[in-house]
Amino acid sequence: MGRIILVYGVIAGVTVAILMRIAMMLFPEGGTGGMVAGFSSMIIALSFVFIGVKRYRDIELGGIIRFWRALGVGFAIAFIASLFYVAAWELYLYFTNYTFMDEYISATLEQAKNQGKTATELATMAREMDSFRALYANPFSRMAVTFTEISPIAVLMPLISAALLRNSCFLPLKAATA
């Protein structure tokens, strides 16, 4: 079980890190397109949770797995992938000299200004963003925030995988024909 968790966790983690970087190159301004690309990359990468749980069920357990065991294996794979996601984001920040938050705040305030926000509203937004900048300056807080970005998908994929794969008739392992 440990080997399957590690292998599929690393595959999912490397996949999410690579796809995150590709999404950032395709959508450098972020926005809705960047968000869709980001969540799509998480879903694609975390599909390895399903593959890993299915492999564990079919190869290690002879085609039968209970919901809770499947959920545990899925969560373990997703956790490893999430660690890779956080590490990839930290590397991105390091190589861009931690300019992300300043650029994000500047773009957000510029967008609000273009939408016709008043000076008072802009000042309020700037104060709120400055408090987020302070939170983001602490690496542990920043890593926790980054971890929460992937966590909805990292919870959903193991739940779906466990619910589907607990039924041994769902995608059963085909016997080899001679």
N, C-alpha and C. Protein backbone atom coordinates (compact mmCIF):
# COMPACT_ATOMS: atom_id res chain seq x y z
N MET A 1 0.83 -1.19 0.00
CA MET A 1 0.00 0.00 0.00
C MET A 1 0.88 1.25 0.00
N GLY A 2 1.92 1.26 0.83
CA GLY A 2 2.78 2.43 0.91
C GLY A 2 3.44 2.79 -0.40
N ARG A 3 3.85 1.77 -1.14
CA ARG A 3 4.51 2.01 -2.42
C ARG A 3 3.53 2.63 -3.42
N ILE A 4 2.32 2.11 -3.46
CA ILE A 4 1.31 2.65 -4.38
C ILE A 4 0.99 4.09 -4.01
N ILE A 5 0.84 4.36 -2.72
CA ILE A 5 0.56 5.73 -2.28
C ILE A 5 1.69 6.66 -2.70
N LEU A 6 2.92 6.24 -2.47
CA LEU A 6 4.06 7.08 -2.81
C LEU A 6 4.18 7.29 -4.32
N VAL A 7 4.09 6.22 -5.08
CA VAL A 7 4.24 6.32 -6.53
C VAL A 7 3.17 7.22 -7.13
N TYR A 8 1.91 6.97 -6.80
CA TYR A 8 0.83 7.76 -7.41
C TYR A 8 0.76 9.17 -6.82
N GLY A 9 1.17 9.33 -5.58
CA GLY A 9 1.25 10.66 -5.00
C GLY A 9 2.30 11.51 -5.69
N VAL A 10 3.46 10.92 -5.96
CA VAL A 10 4.52 11.64 -6.66
C VAL A 10 4.12 11.94 -8.10
N ILE A 11 3.52 10.96 -8.78
CA ILE A 11 3.06 11.20 -10.16
C ILE A 11 2.05 12.35 -10.18
N ALA A 12 1.08 12.32 -9.28
CA ALA A 12 0.08 13.39 -9.22
C ALA A 12 0.73 14.72 -8.86
N GLY A 13 1.69 14.69 -7.93
CA GLY A 13 2.37 15.91 -7.51
C GLY A 13 3.19 16.54 -8.62
N VAL A 14 3.96 15.74 -9.32
CA VAL A 14 4.76 16.26 -10.43
C VAL A 14 3.83 16.78 -11.53
N THR A 15 2.75 16.07 -11.78
CA THR A 15 1.79 16.50 -12.80
C THR A 15 1.17 17.84 -12.43
N VAL A 16 0.73 17.99 -11.19
CA VAL A 16 0.10 19.25 -10.80
C VAL A 16 1.11 20.39 -10.84
N ALA A 17 2.36 20.13 -10.49
CA ALA A 17 3.38 21.18 -10.52
C ALA A 17 3.65 21.62 -11.96
N ILE A 18 3.77 20.66 -12.87
CA ILE A 18 4.03 20.99 -14.27
C ILE A 18 2.84 21.72 -14.89
N LEU A 19 1.64 21.20 -14.65
CA LEU A 19 0.45 21.84 -15.22
C LEU A 19 0.21 23.22 -14.63
N MET A 20 0.55 23.42 -13.35
CA MET A 20 0.42 24.74 -12.74
C MET A 20 1.34 25.73 -13.45
N ARG A 21 2.56 25.30 -13.73
CA ARG A 21 3.51 26.18 -14.41
C ARG A 21 3.04 26.50 -15.82
N ILE A 22 2.52 25.50 -16.52
CA ILE A 22 2.01 25.73 -17.88
C ILE A 22 0.83 26.71 -17.84
N ALA A 23 -0.07 26.53 -16.89
CA ALA A 23 -1.22 27.43 -16.75
C ALA A 23 -0.76 28.85 -16.47
N MET A 24 0.29 29.00 -15.67
CA MET A 24 0.79 30.34 -15.35
C MET A 24 1.44 30.99 -16.57
N MET A 25 2.04 30.18 -17.43
CA MET A 25 2.63 30.74 -18.65
C MET A 25 1.54 31.12 -19.65
N LEU A 26 0.47 30.33 -19.71
CA LEU A 26 -0.62 30.62 -20.64
C LEU A 26 -1.48 31.80 -20.19
N PHE A 27 -1.62 31.96 -18.88
CA PHE A 27 -2.46 33.02 -18.32
C PHE A 27 -1.66 33.82 -17.29
N PRO A 28 -0.65 34.60 -17.75
CA PRO A 28 0.19 35.32 -16.79
C PRO A 28 -0.57 36.36 -15.97
N GLU A 29 -1.68 36.85 -16.51
CA GLU A 29 -2.46 37.85 -15.78
C GLU A 29 -3.43 37.20 -14.81
N GLY A 30 -3.55 35.89 -14.85
CA GLY A 30 -4.47 35.19 -13.93
C GLY A 30 -5.89 35.30 -14.44
N GLY A 31 -6.73 35.90 -13.64
CA GLY A 31 -8.12 36.09 -14.02
C GLY A 31 -8.90 34.79 -14.10
N THR A 32 -10.04 34.86 -14.75
CA THR A 32 -10.92 33.70 -14.85
C THR A 32 -10.27 32.57 -15.63
N GLY A 33 -9.60 32.90 -16.72
CA GLY A 33 -8.92 31.87 -17.51
C GLY A 33 -7.86 31.15 -16.71
N GLY A 34 -7.10 31.91 -15.93
CA GLY A 34 -6.08 31.30 -15.08
C GLY A 34 -6.67 30.42 -14.01
N MET A 35 -7.80 30.85 -13.46
CA MET A 35 -8.46 30.06 -12.42
C MET A 35 -9.00 28.76 -12.99
N VAL A 36 -9.62 28.83 -14.16
CA VAL A 36 -10.14 27.63 -14.81
C VAL A 36 -8.99 26.68 -15.15
N ALA A 37 -7.91 27.22 -15.69
CA ALA A 37 -6.75 26.38 -16.03
C ALA A 37 -6.14 25.77 -14.78
N GLY A 38 -6.08 26.54 -13.70
CA GLY A 38 -5.52 26.04 -12.45
C GLY A 38 -6.32 24.90 -11.87
N PHE A 39 -7.63 25.08 -11.77
CA PHE A 39 -8.47 24.02 -11.22
C PHE A 39 -8.52 22.81 -12.16
N SER A 40 -8.48 23.06 -13.46
CA SER A 40 -8.45 21.93 -14.41
C SER A 40 -7.18 21.12 -14.23
N SER A 41 -6.05 21.81 -14.03
CA SER A 41 -4.79 21.09 -13.83
C SER A 41 -4.82 20.29 -12.54
N MET A 42 -5.48 20.81 -11.51
CA MET A 42 -5.61 20.06 -10.25
C MET A 42 -6.46 18.80 -10.46
N ILE A 43 -7.55 18.94 -11.20
CA ILE A 43 -8.43 17.79 -11.45
C ILE A 43 -7.69 16.73 -12.27
N ILE A 44 -6.98 17.17 -13.30
CA ILE A 44 -6.23 16.22 -14.13
C ILE A 44 -5.19 15.49 -13.28
N ALA A 45 -4.42 16.24 -12.52
CA ALA A 45 -3.35 15.64 -11.71
C ALA A 45 -3.92 14.71 -10.64
N LEU A 46 -5.00 15.14 -10.00
CA LEU A 46 -5.55 14.33 -8.92
C LEU A 46 -6.40 13.17 -9.43
N SER A 47 -6.52 13.04 -10.74
CA SER A 47 -7.14 11.83 -11.27
C SER A 47 -6.26 10.61 -10.99
N PHE A 48 -4.99 10.86 -10.69
CA PHE A 48 -4.11 9.76 -10.30
C PHE A 48 -4.51 9.17 -8.95
N VAL A 49 -5.31 9.88 -8.18
CA VAL A 49 -5.87 9.31 -6.95
C VAL A 49 -6.74 8.11 -7.33
N PHE A 50 -7.61 8.31 -8.29
CA PHE A 50 -8.49 7.24 -8.75
C PHE A 50 -7.67 6.06 -9.27
N ILE A 51 -6.69 6.36 -10.09
CA ILE A 51 -5.86 5.30 -10.68
C ILE A 51 -5.11 4.54 -9.59
N GLY A 52 -4.57 5.26 -8.62
CA GLY A 52 -3.85 4.61 -7.54
C GLY A 52 -4.74 3.73 -6.67
N VAL A 53 -5.92 4.24 -6.33
CA VAL A 53 -6.86 3.45 -5.51
C VAL A 53 -7.32 2.22 -6.29
N LYS A 54 -7.60 2.40 -7.57
CA LYS A 54 -8.02 1.25 -8.39
C LYS A 54 -6.91 0.21 -8.47
N ARG A 55 -5.70 0.65 -8.67
CA ARG A 55 -4.57 -0.29 -8.74
C ARG A 55 -4.42 -1.03 -7.40
N TYR A 56 -4.54 -0.31 -6.31
CA TYR A 56 -4.44 -0.94 -4.99
C TYR A 56 -5.54 -1.98 -4.82
N ARG A 57 -6.77 -1.60 -5.20
CA ARG A 57 -7.90 -2.52 -5.09
C ARG A 57 -7.68 -3.77 -5.94
N ASP A 58 -7.28 -3.58 -7.18
CA ASP A 58 -7.19 -4.70 -8.11
C ASP A 58 -5.95 -5.57 -7.89
N ILE A 59 -4.81 -4.96 -7.66
CA ILE A 59 -3.56 -5.72 -7.57
C ILE A 59 -3.30 -6.22 -6.16
N GLU A 60 -3.43 -5.35 -5.18
CA GLU A 60 -3.09 -5.72 -3.80
C GLU A 60 -4.21 -6.45 -3.08
N LEU A 61 -5.46 -6.09 -3.38
CA LEU A 61 -6.58 -6.64 -2.62
C LEU A 61 -7.46 -7.59 -3.42
N GLY A 62 -7.05 -7.95 -4.60
CA GLY A 62 -7.81 -8.92 -5.38
C GLY A 62 -9.13 -8.41 -5.91
N GLY A 63 -9.28 -7.11 -6.08
CA GLY A 63 -10.49 -6.56 -6.69
C GLY A 63 -11.57 -6.10 -5.73
N ILE A 64 -11.31 -6.17 -4.42
CA ILE A 64 -12.32 -5.77 -3.43
C ILE A 64 -11.68 -4.78 -2.45
N ILE A 65 -12.35 -3.66 -2.24
CA ILE A 65 -11.87 -2.68 -1.27
C ILE A 65 -13.08 -2.06 -0.58
N ARG A 66 -12.93 -1.79 0.68
CA ARG A 66 -13.98 -1.12 1.44
C ARG A 66 -13.83 0.39 1.27
N PHE A 67 -14.93 1.09 1.49
CA PHE A 67 -14.96 2.54 1.29
C PHE A 67 -13.88 3.24 2.11
N TRP A 68 -13.79 2.94 3.40
CA TRP A 68 -12.87 3.68 4.27
C TRP A 68 -11.41 3.44 3.92
N ARG A 69 -11.08 2.22 3.53
CA ARG A 69 -9.70 1.95 3.11
C ARG A 69 -9.40 2.69 1.81
N ALA A 70 -10.33 2.66 0.88
CA ALA A 70 -10.15 3.37 -0.39
C ALA A 70 -10.00 4.87 -0.13
N LEU A 71 -10.80 5.38 0.78
CA LEU A 71 -10.73 6.80 1.12
C LEU A 71 -9.37 7.14 1.73
N GLY A 72 -8.89 6.30 2.61
CA GLY A 72 -7.59 6.53 3.24
C GLY A 72 -6.45 6.53 2.23
N VAL A 73 -6.46 5.57 1.32
CA VAL A 73 -5.43 5.51 0.28
C VAL A 73 -5.54 6.76 -0.61
N GLY A 74 -6.75 7.12 -0.97
CA GLY A 74 -6.96 8.31 -1.80
C GLY A 74 -6.49 9.58 -1.13
N PHE A 75 -6.81 9.74 0.15
CA PHE A 75 -6.36 10.93 0.88
C PHE A 75 -4.84 10.97 0.98
N ALA A 76 -4.21 9.83 1.18
CA ALA A 76 -2.75 9.80 1.28
C ALA A 76 -2.11 10.21 -0.05
N ILE A 77 -2.63 9.71 -1.15
CA ILE A 77 -2.11 10.09 -2.47
C ILE A 77 -2.33 11.59 -2.70
N ALA A 78 -3.52 12.08 -2.38
CA ALA A 78 -3.84 13.50 -2.57
C ALA A 78 -2.98 14.39 -1.67
N PHE A 79 -2.67 13.92 -0.47
CA PHE A 79 -1.83 14.71 0.44
C PHE A 79 -0.43 14.88 -0.14
N ILE A 80 0.13 13.81 -0.66
CA ILE A 80 1.46 13.90 -1.27
C ILE A 80 1.43 14.86 -2.46
N ALA A 81 0.40 14.75 -3.29
CA ALA A 81 0.26 15.65 -4.43
C ALA A 81 0.14 17.10 -3.97
N SER A 82 -0.59 17.32 -2.89
CA SER A 82 -0.76 18.67 -2.35
C SER A 82 0.56 19.24 -1.84
N LEU A 83 1.39 18.40 -1.25
CA LEU A 83 2.71 18.86 -0.81
C LEU A 83 3.55 19.31 -2.01
N PHE A 84 3.46 18.58 -3.10
CA PHE A 84 4.17 18.98 -4.32
C PHE A 84 3.64 20.32 -4.83
N TYR A 85 2.33 20.50 -4.77
CA TYR A 85 1.71 21.75 -5.22
C TYR A 85 2.25 22.93 -4.41
N VAL A 86 2.28 22.76 -3.10
CA VAL A 86 2.78 23.83 -2.22
C VAL A 86 4.26 24.09 -2.51
N ALA A 87 5.05 23.03 -2.65
CA ALA A 87 6.48 23.18 -2.93
C ALA A 87 6.70 23.88 -4.27
N ALA A 88 5.90 23.52 -5.28
CA ALA A 88 6.03 24.16 -6.59
C ALA A 88 5.72 25.65 -6.51
N TRP A 89 4.70 26.00 -5.74
CA TRP A 89 4.36 27.42 -5.58
C TRP A 89 5.47 28.17 -4.86
N GLU A 90 6.03 27.56 -3.84
CA GLU A 90 7.14 28.19 -3.12
C GLU A 90 8.35 28.38 -4.03
N LEU A 91 8.63 27.40 -4.88
CA LEU A 91 9.73 27.55 -5.84
C LEU A 91 9.45 28.67 -6.83
N TYR A 92 8.21 28.75 -7.30
CA TYR A 92 7.84 29.83 -8.21
C TYR A 92 8.07 31.18 -7.54
N LEU A 93 7.62 31.32 -6.31
CA LEU A 93 7.82 32.58 -5.60
C LEU A 93 9.30 32.90 -5.44
N TYR A 94 10.09 31.89 -5.11
CA TYR A 94 11.52 32.09 -4.92
C TYR A 94 12.17 32.58 -6.21
N PHE A 95 11.86 31.93 -7.33
CA PHE A 95 12.49 32.29 -8.59
C PHE A 95 11.97 33.60 -9.17
N THR A 96 10.83 34.08 -8.69
CA THR A 96 10.31 35.38 -9.13
C THR A 96 10.55 36.46 -8.08
N ASN A 97 11.42 36.16 -7.13
CA ASN A 97 11.83 37.11 -6.10
C ASN A 97 10.65 37.59 -5.24
N TYR A 98 9.68 36.72 -5.03
CA TYR A 98 8.53 36.98 -4.14
C TYR A 98 7.75 38.23 -4.54
N THR A 99 7.66 38.50 -5.83
CA THR A 99 6.95 39.69 -6.31
C THR A 99 5.47 39.44 -6.55
N PHE A 100 5.03 38.20 -6.41
CA PHE A 100 3.65 37.85 -6.74
C PHE A 100 2.64 38.72 -6.02
N MET A 101 2.76 38.84 -4.70
CA MET A 101 1.74 39.55 -3.93
C MET A 101 1.66 41.01 -4.32
N ASP A 102 2.81 41.66 -4.53
CA ASP A 102 2.79 43.06 -4.95
C ASP A 102 2.10 43.21 -6.31
N GLU A 103 2.40 42.31 -7.23
CA GLU A 103 1.78 42.35 -8.56
C GLU A 103 0.28 42.06 -8.47
N TYR A 104 -0.09 41.12 -7.62
CA TYR A 104 -1.50 40.76 -7.45
C TYR A 104 -2.29 41.93 -6.87
N ILE A 105 -1.75 42.56 -5.84
CA ILE A 105 -2.43 43.70 -5.22
C ILE A 105 -2.55 44.84 -6.21
N SER A 106 -1.48 45.13 -6.92
CA SER A 106 -1.50 46.21 -7.91
C SER A 106 -2.54 45.95 -8.99
N ALA A 107 -2.59 44.74 -9.51
CA ALA A 107 -3.56 44.40 -10.56
C ALA A 107 -4.99 44.45 -10.03
N THR A 108 -5.20 43.99 -8.80
CA THR A 108 -6.54 44.00 -8.21
C THR A 108 -7.02 45.43 -8.00
N LEU A 109 -6.16 46.29 -7.48
CA LEU A 109 -6.54 47.69 -7.27
C LEU A 109 -6.76 48.41 -8.60
N GLU A 110 -5.95 48.10 -9.59
CA GLU A 110 -6.12 48.71 -10.91
C GLU A 110 -7.45 48.29 -11.53
N GLN A 111 -7.79 47.02 -11.38
CA GLN A 111 -9.06 46.51 -11.90
C GLN A 111 -10.23 47.19 -11.19
N ALA A 112 -10.13 47.35 -9.88
CA ALA A 112 -11.19 48.02 -9.12
C ALA A 112 -11.32 49.48 -9.55
N LYS A 113 -10.19 50.12 -9.79
CA LYS A 113 -10.21 51.52 -10.24
C LYS A 113 -10.88 51.63 -11.61
N ASN A 114 -10.58 50.69 -12.50
CA ASN A 114 -11.18 50.69 -13.83
C ASN A 114 -12.68 50.39 -13.79
N GLN A 115 -13.13 49.72 -12.73
CA GLN A 115 -14.55 49.43 -12.57
C GLN A 115 -15.29 50.60 -11.94
N GLY A 116 -14.57 51.69 -11.64
CA GLY A 116 -15.21 52.88 -11.14
C GLY A 116 -15.37 52.95 -9.63
N LYS A 117 -14.57 52.22 -8.90
CA LYS A 117 -14.64 52.28 -7.43
C LYS A 117 -14.20 53.67 -6.98
N THR A 118 -14.80 54.13 -5.88
CA THR A 118 -14.45 55.44 -5.34
C THR A 118 -13.10 55.37 -4.64
N ALA A 119 -12.55 56.54 -4.35
CA ALA A 119 -11.26 56.61 -3.66
C ALA A 119 -11.36 55.96 -2.28
N THR A 120 -12.48 56.14 -1.60
CA THR A 120 -12.68 55.52 -0.28
C THR A 120 -12.70 54.00 -0.39
N GLU A 121 -13.42 53.51 -1.39
CA GLU A 121 -13.48 52.05 -1.59
C GLU A 121 -12.10 51.49 -1.94
N LEU A 122 -11.36 52.23 -2.76
CA LEU A 122 -10.01 51.79 -3.12
C LEU A 122 -9.09 51.78 -1.91
N ALA A 123 -9.23 52.79 -1.05
CA ALA A 123 -8.40 52.84 0.17
C ALA A 123 -8.74 51.67 1.09
N THR A 124 -10.02 51.35 1.21
CA THR A 124 -10.44 50.21 2.04
C THR A 124 -9.87 48.91 1.47
N MET A 125 -9.97 48.76 0.14
CA MET A 125 -9.42 47.57 -0.50
C MET A 125 -7.91 47.48 -0.28
N ALA A 126 -7.23 48.61 -0.38
CA ALA A 126 -5.77 48.62 -0.20
C ALA A 126 -5.40 48.19 1.21
N ARG A 127 -6.16 48.64 2.21
CA ARG A 127 -5.89 48.23 3.61
C ARG A 127 -6.10 46.73 3.78
N GLU A 128 -7.20 46.21 3.20
CA GLU A 128 -7.46 44.77 3.29
C GLU A 128 -6.36 43.97 2.59
N MET A 129 -5.93 44.45 1.45
CA MET A 129 -4.88 43.76 0.71
C MET A 129 -3.55 43.82 1.46
N ASP A 130 -3.29 44.92 2.15
CA ASP A 130 -2.06 45.02 2.93
C ASP A 130 -2.05 44.02 4.08
N SER A 131 -3.21 43.76 4.67
CA SER A 131 -3.26 42.75 5.73
C SER A 131 -3.01 41.36 5.15
N PHE A 132 -3.50 41.12 3.94
CA PHE A 132 -3.23 39.85 3.28
C PHE A 132 -1.75 39.75 2.91
N ARG A 133 -1.14 40.87 2.52
CA ARG A 133 0.29 40.88 2.20
C ARG A 133 1.10 40.50 3.44
N ALA A 134 0.70 41.00 4.60
CA ALA A 134 1.41 40.66 5.84
C ALA A 134 1.25 39.17 6.16
N LEU A 135 0.06 38.64 5.97
CA LEU A 135 -0.17 37.21 6.17
C LEU A 135 0.69 36.40 5.21
N TYR A 136 0.75 36.82 3.97
CA TYR A 136 1.48 36.10 2.93
C TYR A 136 3.00 36.19 3.11
N ALA A 137 3.46 37.17 3.85
CA ALA A 137 4.90 37.32 4.10
C ALA A 137 5.42 36.21 5.01
N ASN A 138 4.57 35.66 5.87
CA ASN A 138 4.95 34.56 6.74
C ASN A 138 4.90 33.27 5.93
N PRO A 139 6.03 32.55 5.79
CA PRO A 139 6.03 31.35 4.94
C PRO A 139 5.05 30.28 5.40
N PHE A 140 4.86 30.12 6.69
CA PHE A 140 3.93 29.08 7.16
C PHE A 140 2.48 29.45 6.84
N SER A 141 2.14 30.72 6.99
CA SER A 141 0.80 31.16 6.62
C SER A 141 0.59 31.04 5.12
N ARG A 142 1.61 31.43 4.36
CA ARG A 142 1.53 31.36 2.90
C ARG A 142 1.34 29.91 2.44
N MET A 143 2.09 28.99 3.06
CA MET A 143 1.96 27.58 2.69
C MET A 143 0.57 27.04 3.05
N ALA A 144 0.04 27.49 4.17
CA ALA A 144 -1.31 27.06 4.56
C ALA A 144 -2.35 27.58 3.57
N VAL A 145 -2.20 28.83 3.16
CA VAL A 145 -3.12 29.40 2.16
C VAL A 145 -3.01 28.63 0.85
N THR A 146 -1.80 28.33 0.43
CA THR A 146 -1.59 27.58 -0.81
C THR A 146 -2.19 26.18 -0.70
N PHE A 147 -2.03 25.56 0.45
CA PHE A 147 -2.58 24.21 0.67
C PHE A 147 -4.10 24.23 0.55
N THR A 148 -4.74 25.31 1.02
CA THR A 148 -6.20 25.39 0.93
C THR A 148 -6.69 25.57 -0.50
N GLU A 149 -5.82 26.02 -1.40
CA GLU A 149 -6.22 26.17 -2.80
C GLU A 149 -6.52 24.82 -3.44
N ILE A 150 -5.69 23.84 -3.15
CA ILE A 150 -5.85 22.52 -3.77
C ILE A 150 -6.74 21.60 -2.94
N SER A 151 -6.97 21.94 -1.68
CA SER A 151 -7.68 21.02 -0.78
C SER A 151 -9.10 20.66 -1.21
N PRO A 152 -9.91 21.54 -1.81
CA PRO A 152 -11.24 21.08 -2.21
C PRO A 152 -11.19 19.92 -3.21
N ILE A 153 -10.30 20.02 -4.18
CA ILE A 153 -10.16 18.94 -5.16
C ILE A 153 -9.51 17.72 -4.50
N ALA A 154 -8.56 17.97 -3.59
CA ALA A 154 -7.85 16.88 -2.91
C ALA A 154 -8.77 16.13 -1.94
N VAL A 155 -9.88 16.70 -1.58
CA VAL A 155 -10.88 16.00 -0.75
C VAL A 155 -11.91 15.32 -1.66
N LEU A 156 -12.31 16.01 -2.70
CA LEU A 156 -13.35 15.50 -3.59
C LEU A 156 -12.92 14.25 -4.37
N MET A 157 -11.71 14.26 -4.91
CA MET A 157 -11.26 13.12 -5.72
C MET A 157 -11.19 11.82 -4.93
N PRO A 158 -10.64 11.80 -3.71
CA PRO A 158 -10.66 10.55 -2.94
C PRO A 158 -12.08 10.10 -2.59
N LEU A 159 -12.97 11.05 -2.30
CA LEU A 159 -14.36 10.68 -1.99
C LEU A 159 -15.03 10.01 -3.19
N ILE A 160 -14.86 10.61 -4.36
CA ILE A 160 -15.45 10.03 -5.57
C ILE A 160 -14.82 8.66 -5.86
N SER A 161 -13.50 8.59 -5.75
CA SER A 161 -12.81 7.33 -6.02
C SER A 161 -13.27 6.23 -5.08
N ALA A 162 -13.35 6.53 -3.80
CA ALA A 162 -13.77 5.53 -2.81
C ALA A 162 -15.21 5.10 -3.05
N ALA A 163 -16.07 6.07 -3.35
CA ALA A 163 -17.48 5.74 -3.58
C ALA A 163 -17.65 4.83 -4.80
N LEU A 164 -16.90 5.08 -5.85
CA LEU A 164 -17.03 4.27 -7.06
C LEU A 164 -16.33 2.92 -6.94
N LEU A 165 -15.12 2.93 -6.40
CA LEU A 165 -14.31 1.72 -6.41
C LEU A 165 -14.65 0.72 -5.32
N ARG A 166 -15.46 1.12 -4.34
CA ARG A 166 -15.88 0.15 -3.32
C ARG A 166 -16.76 -0.93 -3.94
N ASN A 167 -17.36 -0.61 -5.07
CA ASN A 167 -18.16 -1.58 -5.82
C ASN A 167 -17.21 -2.38 -6.71
N SER A 168 -17.02 -3.64 -6.40
CA SER A 168 -16.06 -4.46 -7.15
C SER A 168 -16.48 -4.67 -8.60
N CYS A 169 -17.72 -4.40 -8.93
CA CYS A 169 -18.19 -4.52 -10.32
C CYS A 169 -17.84 -3.28 -11.15
N PHE A 170 -17.44 -2.20 -10.50
CA PHE A 170 -17.09 -0.97 -11.21
C PHE A 170 -15.66 -1.09 -11.73
N LEU A 171 -15.50 -1.10 -13.03
CA LEU A 171 -14.20 -1.25 -13.69
C LEU A 171 -13.39 -2.40 -13.09
N PRO A 172 -13.91 -3.61 -13.17
CA PRO A 172 -13.17 -4.74 -12.59
C PRO A 172 -11.91 -5.03 -13.40
N LEU A 173 -10.94 -5.62 -12.73
CA LEU A 173 -9.71 -6.04 -13.41
C LEU A 173 -10.05 -7.20 -14.33
N LYS A 174 -9.72 -7.06 -15.57
CA LYS A 174 -10.00 -8.12 -16.53
C LYS A 174 -8.95 -9.21 -16.39
N ALA A 175 -9.38 -10.44 -16.41
CA ALA A 175 -8.46 -11.57 -16.35
C ALA A 175 -7.71 -11.67 -17.68
N ALA A 176 -6.43 -11.97 -17.59
CA ALA A 176 -5.62 -12.10 -18.80
C ALA A 176 -6.05 -13.34 -19.57
N THR A 177 -6.20 -13.18 -20.87
CA THR A 177 -6.58 -14.32 -21.71
C THR A 177 -5.34 -14.90 -22.35
N ALA A 178 -5.30 -16.21 -22.41
CA ALA A 178 -4.10 -16.88 -22.94
C ALA A 178 -4.22 -17.16 -24.41
